[in-house]
Amino acid sequence: MHQGRPRTVIAELAEDCARAALATGARVVVAESLTSGAIAAALGRASEASEWFAGSVVAYSSETKQRALGVEPGPVITAPAARQMATGALSLAGADVVVAVTGAGGPGPEEGHPPGTVFLACGNRRRGIGVQELRLNGDPAEVVEGTVEAALRALVHELGIDAG
């Protein structure tokens, strides 16, 4: 942390993820679309990231989601696509816990969804992967920030309940 700068909510949540992952021995992986690596950047700055953070797949285009993560052809701003992204990332990294996000960042609608529609998948190898739909307000930068915060909160929750 830089002297004189207060920690952001995102930085605090990333540190919470680090503490929980270190305490449980869980390896975390991320699959990102609309956030373009922002979740990975937050986690990578957290304490001892090399010990628990397996990495991130930034799959912005539909084709990359399909090739890298095994997402089925078709719309990608969907709950099934988010789940497939998460499953693909878990498999690719051999990690324990995953969060994946896909959505319409804005400023206009995408695939028939209004801006701020986000599908967030989070889970682990034992319990499986759940998906939630978020409706975030704001410009594209605010939607990305809100998505990063929601993803980190989901990871903290997942790591706290069952990281194996």
C-alpha atoms as a PDB file:
ATOM      1  CA  MET A   1       0.000   0.000   0.000  1.00  0.00           C
ATOM      2  CA  HIS A   2       1.285   3.459  -0.852  1.00  0.00           C
ATOM      3  CA  GLN A   3       1.709   5.750   2.092  1.00  0.00           C
ATOM      4  CA  GLY A   4      -1.031   8.302   2.386  1.00  0.00           C
ATOM      5  CA  ARG A   5      -3.462   6.390   0.173  1.00  0.00           C
ATOM      6  CA  PRO A   6      -6.403   4.689   1.813  1.00  0.00           C
ATOM      7  CA  ARG A   7      -7.122   1.151   0.704  1.00  0.00           C
ATOM      8  CA  THR A   8     -10.041   0.754  -1.623  1.00  0.00           C
ATOM      9  CA  VAL A   9     -12.895  -1.649  -1.031  1.00  0.00           C
ATOM     10  CA  ILE A  10     -11.534  -3.760  -3.885  1.00  0.00           C
ATOM     11  CA  ALA A  11      -8.045  -3.895  -2.342  1.00  0.00           C
ATOM     12  CA  GLU A  12      -9.526  -4.878   1.034  1.00  0.00           C
ATOM     13  CA  LEU A  13     -11.625  -7.624  -0.559  1.00  0.00           C
ATOM     14  CA  ALA A  14      -8.577  -8.935  -2.437  1.00  0.00           C
ATOM     15  CA  GLU A  15      -6.683  -9.084   0.875  1.00  0.00           C
ATOM     16  CA  ASP A  16      -9.623 -10.960   2.414  1.00  0.00           C
ATOM     17  CA  CYS A  17      -9.359 -13.464  -0.456  1.00  0.00           C
ATOM     18  CA  ALA A  18      -5.635 -13.807   0.160  1.00  0.00           C
ATOM     19  CA  ARG A  19      -6.097 -14.465   3.879  1.00  0.00           C
ATOM     20  CA  ALA A  20      -8.833 -17.027   3.278  1.00  0.00           C
ATOM     21  CA  ALA A  21      -6.978 -18.816   0.482  1.00  0.00           C
ATOM     22  CA  LEU A  22      -3.778 -18.964   2.521  1.00  0.00           C
ATOM     23  CA  ALA A  23      -5.655 -20.240   5.574  1.00  0.00           C
ATOM     24  CA  THR A  24      -7.366 -23.013   3.622  1.00  0.00           C
ATOM     25  CA  GLY A  25      -4.655 -23.848   1.113  1.00  0.00           C
ATOM     26  CA  ALA A  26      -7.027 -23.190  -1.790  1.00  0.00           C
ATOM     27  CA  ARG A  27      -5.806 -22.206  -5.256  1.00  0.00           C
ATOM     28  CA  VAL A  28      -7.965 -19.559  -6.955  1.00  0.00           C
ATOM     29  CA  VAL A  29      -8.536 -19.047 -10.671  1.00  0.00           C
ATOM     30  CA  VAL A  30     -10.550 -16.389 -12.505  1.00  0.00           C
ATOM     31  CA  ALA A  31     -12.246 -16.263 -15.917  1.00  0.00           C
ATOM     32  CA  GLU A  32     -13.031 -12.730 -17.035  1.00  0.00           C
ATOM     33  CA  SER A  33     -14.798 -11.106 -19.933  1.00  0.00           C
ATOM     34  CA  LEU A  34     -16.151  -7.595 -19.420  1.00  0.00           C
ATOM     35  CA  THR A  35     -13.668  -6.881 -16.602  1.00  0.00           C
ATOM     36  CA  SER A  36     -10.706  -7.397 -18.971  1.00  0.00           C
ATOM     37  CA  GLY A  37      -8.309  -8.597 -16.269  1.00  0.00           C
ATOM     38  CA  ALA A  38      -9.338  -6.207 -13.498  1.00  0.00           C
ATOM     39  CA  ILE A  39     -10.185  -9.057 -11.111  1.00  0.00           C
ATOM     40  CA  ALA A  40      -6.801 -10.675 -11.747  1.00  0.00           C
ATOM     41  CA  ALA A  41      -5.047  -7.348 -11.240  1.00  0.00           C
ATOM     42  CA  ALA A  42      -6.692  -6.909  -7.833  1.00  0.00           C
ATOM     43  CA  LEU A  43      -5.885 -10.467  -6.740  1.00  0.00           C
ATOM     44  CA  GLY A  44      -2.341 -10.288  -8.076  1.00  0.00           C
ATOM     45  CA  ARG A  45      -1.643  -7.260  -5.871  1.00  0.00           C
ATOM     46  CA  ALA A  46      -2.865  -9.063  -2.753  1.00  0.00           C
ATOM     47  CA  SER A  47      -0.553 -10.619  -0.184  1.00  0.00           C
ATOM     48  CA  GLU A  48       1.411 -13.699  -1.204  1.00  0.00           C
ATOM     49  CA  ALA A  49      -0.549 -14.067  -4.450  1.00  0.00           C
ATOM     50  CA  SER A  50       2.044 -16.470  -5.846  1.00  0.00           C
ATOM     51  CA  GLU A  51       1.064 -18.926  -3.118  1.00  0.00           C
ATOM     52  CA  TRP A  52      -2.671 -19.117  -3.869  1.00  0.00           C
ATOM     53  CA  PHE A  53      -3.575 -17.326  -7.121  1.00  0.00           C
ATOM     54  CA  ALA A  54      -3.379 -19.695 -10.090  1.00  0.00           C
ATOM     55  CA  GLY A  55      -4.172 -16.961 -12.618  1.00  0.00           C
ATOM     56  CA  SER A  56      -6.863 -15.632 -14.892  1.00  0.00           C
ATOM     57  CA  VAL A  57      -8.125 -16.231 -18.388  1.00  0.00           C
ATOM     58  CA  VAL A  58      -9.287 -13.001 -19.981  1.00  0.00           C
ATOM     59  CA  ALA A  59     -11.633 -14.144 -22.713  1.00  0.00           C
ATOM     60  CA  TYR A  60     -13.227 -11.004 -24.080  1.00  0.00           C
ATOM     61  CA  SER A  61     -14.457 -12.255 -27.447  1.00  0.00           C
ATOM     62  CA  SER A  62     -16.989 -15.037 -27.909  1.00  0.00           C
ATOM     63  CA  GLU A  63     -14.435 -16.987 -29.957  1.00  0.00           C
ATOM     64  CA  THR A  64     -11.870 -16.835 -27.166  1.00  0.00           C
ATOM     65  CA  LYS A  65     -14.450 -17.982 -24.632  1.00  0.00           C
ATOM     66  CA  GLN A  66     -15.204 -20.940 -26.878  1.00  0.00           C
ATOM     67  CA  ARG A  67     -11.588 -21.862 -27.664  1.00  0.00           C
ATOM     68  CA  ALA A  68      -9.944 -21.227 -24.306  1.00  0.00           C
ATOM     69  CA  LEU A  69     -12.737 -22.090 -21.884  1.00  0.00           C
ATOM     70  CA  GLY A  70     -15.027 -24.477 -23.737  1.00  0.00           C
ATOM     71  CA  VAL A  71     -18.028 -22.169 -23.875  1.00  0.00           C
ATOM     72  CA  GLU A  72     -20.621 -23.484 -26.303  1.00  0.00           C
ATOM     73  CA  PRO A  73     -21.324 -21.390 -29.432  1.00  0.00           C
ATOM     74  CA  GLY A  74     -24.189 -18.950 -29.045  1.00  0.00           C
ATOM     75  CA  PRO A  75     -24.947 -16.052 -26.740  1.00  0.00           C
ATOM     76  CA  VAL A  76     -22.286 -15.488 -24.079  1.00  0.00           C
ATOM     77  CA  ILE A  77     -24.120 -13.104 -21.775  1.00  0.00           C
ATOM     78  CA  THR A  78     -25.949 -15.965 -20.097  1.00  0.00           C
ATOM     79  CA  ALA A  79     -25.835 -18.014 -16.919  1.00  0.00           C
ATOM     80  CA  PRO A  80     -24.769 -21.166 -18.823  1.00  0.00           C
ATOM     81  CA  ALA A  81     -21.871 -19.291 -20.466  1.00  0.00           C
ATOM     82  CA  ALA A  82     -20.688 -17.991 -17.074  1.00  0.00           C
ATOM     83  CA  ARG A  83     -20.837 -21.531 -15.643  1.00  0.00           C
ATOM     84  CA  GLN A  84     -18.950 -22.915 -18.657  1.00  0.00           C
ATOM     85  CA  MET A  85     -16.293 -20.210 -18.283  1.00  0.00           C
ATOM     86  CA  ALA A  86     -15.867 -21.154 -14.619  1.00  0.00           C
ATOM     87  CA  THR A  87     -15.707 -24.875 -15.366  1.00  0.00           C
ATOM     88  CA  GLY A  88     -13.195 -24.291 -18.150  1.00  0.00           C
ATOM     89  CA  ALA A  89     -10.966 -22.150 -15.943  1.00  0.00           C
ATOM     90  CA  LEU A  90     -11.037 -24.700 -13.100  1.00  0.00           C
ATOM     91  CA  SER A  91     -10.035 -27.432 -15.513  1.00  0.00           C
ATOM     92  CA  LEU A  92      -7.358 -25.369 -17.252  1.00  0.00           C
ATOM     93  CA  ALA A  93      -5.660 -24.226 -14.042  1.00  0.00           C
ATOM     94  CA  GLY A  94      -6.282 -27.253 -11.863  1.00  0.00           C
ATOM     95  CA  ALA A  95      -7.439 -24.814  -9.188  1.00  0.00           C
ATOM     96  CA  ASP A  96      -9.832 -25.337  -6.284  1.00  0.00           C
ATOM     97  CA  VAL A  97     -12.014 -22.205  -6.345  1.00  0.00           C
ATOM     98  CA  VAL A  98     -13.182 -20.119  -9.295  1.00  0.00           C
ATOM     99  CA  VAL A  99     -15.038 -16.960 -10.152  1.00  0.00           C
ATOM    100  CA  ALA A 100     -16.096 -16.066 -13.695  1.00  0.00           C
ATOM    101  CA  VAL A 101     -17.883 -13.030 -15.100  1.00  0.00           C
ATOM    102  CA  THR A 102     -19.533 -12.209 -18.402  1.00  0.00           C
ATOM    103  CA  GLY A 103     -21.902  -9.390 -19.186  1.00  0.00           C
ATOM    104  CA  ALA A 104     -22.937  -6.216 -20.935  1.00  0.00           C
ATOM    105  CA  GLY A 105     -20.644  -3.469 -19.728  1.00  0.00           C
ATOM    106  CA  GLY A 106     -22.310  -0.776 -21.793  1.00  0.00           C
ATOM    107  CA  PRO A 107     -22.835   1.890 -22.831  1.00  0.00           C
ATOM    108  CA  GLY A 108     -25.460   0.174 -24.985  1.00  0.00           C
ATOM    109  CA  PRO A 109     -27.280  -3.138 -24.811  1.00  0.00           C
ATOM    110  CA  GLU A 110     -25.559  -6.369 -25.863  1.00  0.00           C
ATOM    111  CA  GLU A 111     -27.226  -9.628 -26.909  1.00  0.00           C
ATOM    112  CA  GLY A 112     -30.552  -8.089 -25.934  1.00  0.00           C
ATOM    113  CA  HIS A 113     -29.410  -7.332 -22.370  1.00  0.00           C
ATOM    114  CA  PRO A 114     -29.359  -3.807 -20.960  1.00  0.00           C
ATOM    115  CA  PRO A 115     -26.009  -2.364 -19.900  1.00  0.00           C
ATOM    116  CA  GLY A 116     -25.022  -3.529 -16.443  1.00  0.00           C
ATOM    117  CA  THR A 117     -26.364  -7.072 -16.879  1.00  0.00           C
ATOM    118  CA  VAL A 118     -23.690  -9.399 -15.498  1.00  0.00           C
ATOM    119  CA  PHE A 119     -23.606 -13.135 -14.892  1.00  0.00           C
ATOM    120  CA  LEU A 120     -21.249 -14.128 -12.101  1.00  0.00           C
ATOM    121  CA  ALA A 121     -20.328 -17.779 -11.579  1.00  0.00           C
ATOM    122  CA  CYS A 122     -18.512 -18.861  -8.436  1.00  0.00           C
ATOM    123  CA  GLY A 123     -17.804 -22.187  -6.847  1.00  0.00           C
ATOM    124  CA  ASN A 124     -15.397 -24.974  -6.207  1.00  0.00           C
ATOM    125  CA  ARG A 125     -14.654 -28.510  -7.287  1.00  0.00           C
ATOM    126  CA  ARG A 126     -16.604 -30.195  -4.466  1.00  0.00           C
ATOM    127  CA  ARG A 127     -19.815 -28.207  -4.241  1.00  0.00           C
ATOM    128  CA  GLY A 128     -20.053 -27.133  -7.862  1.00  0.00           C
ATOM    129  CA  ILE A 129     -20.614 -23.743  -9.410  1.00  0.00           C
ATOM    130  CA  GLY A 130     -23.502 -21.375  -8.791  1.00  0.00           C
ATOM    131  CA  VAL A 131     -24.457 -18.451 -10.999  1.00  0.00           C
ATOM    132  CA  GLN A 132     -26.098 -15.178 -10.084  1.00  0.00           C
ATOM    133  CA  GLU A 133     -27.386 -12.410 -12.319  1.00  0.00           C
ATOM    134  CA  LEU A 134     -26.450  -8.860 -11.376  1.00  0.00           C
ATOM    135  CA  ARG A 135     -28.005  -5.601 -12.568  1.00  0.00           C
ATOM    136  CA  LEU A 136     -25.446  -2.845 -12.095  1.00  0.00           C
ATOM    137  CA  ASN A 137     -25.932   0.843 -12.765  1.00  0.00           C
ATOM    138  CA  GLY A 138     -23.524   3.373 -14.175  1.00  0.00           C
ATOM    139  CA  ASP A 139     -21.202   3.969 -17.070  1.00  0.00           C
ATOM    140  CA  PRO A 140     -18.958   1.169 -18.373  1.00  0.00           C
ATOM    141  CA  ALA A 141     -16.169   1.939 -15.866  1.00  0.00           C
ATOM    142  CA  GLU A 142     -18.638   1.818 -12.975  1.00  0.00           C
ATOM    143  CA  VAL A 143     -20.104  -1.463 -14.227  1.00  0.00           C
ATOM    144  CA  VAL A 144     -16.608  -2.972 -14.387  1.00  0.00           C
ATOM    145  CA  GLU A 145     -15.785  -1.737 -10.882  1.00  0.00           C
ATOM    146  CA  GLY A 146     -19.072  -3.075  -9.524  1.00  0.00           C
ATOM    147  CA  THR A 147     -18.447  -6.414 -11.215  1.00  0.00           C
ATOM    148  CA  VAL A 148     -14.941  -6.678  -9.740  1.00  0.00           C
ATOM    149  CA  GLU A 149     -16.285  -5.891  -6.275  1.00  0.00           C
ATOM    150  CA  ALA A 150     -19.098  -8.457  -6.632  1.00  0.00           C
ATOM    151  CA  ALA A 151     -16.670 -11.109  -7.894  1.00  0.00           C
ATOM    152  CA  LEU A 152     -14.290 -10.556  -4.981  1.00  0.00           C
ATOM    153  CA  ARG A 153     -17.156 -10.666  -2.487  1.00  0.00           C
ATOM    154  CA  ALA A 154     -18.285 -13.966  -4.029  1.00  0.00           C
ATOM    155  CA  LEU A 155     -14.746 -15.348  -3.732  1.00  0.00           C
ATOM    156  CA  VAL A 156     -14.457 -14.278  -0.090  1.00  0.00           C
ATOM    157  CA  HIS A 157     -17.759 -16.014   0.621  1.00  0.00           C
ATOM    158  CA  GLU A 158     -16.751 -19.149  -1.276  1.00  0.00           C
ATOM    159  CA  LEU A 159     -13.359 -19.354   0.401  1.00  0.00           C
ATOM    160  CA  GLY A 160     -14.905 -18.833   3.810  1.00  0.00           C
ATOM    161  CA  ILE A 161     -17.525 -21.558   3.437  1.00  0.00           C
ATOM    162  CA  ASP A 162     -15.731 -24.362   1.626  1.00  0.00           C
ATOM    163  CA  ALA A 163     -12.464 -23.857  -0.154  1.00  0.00           C
ATOM    164  CA  GLY A 164     -11.759 -27.471  -1.013  1.00  0.00           C
END
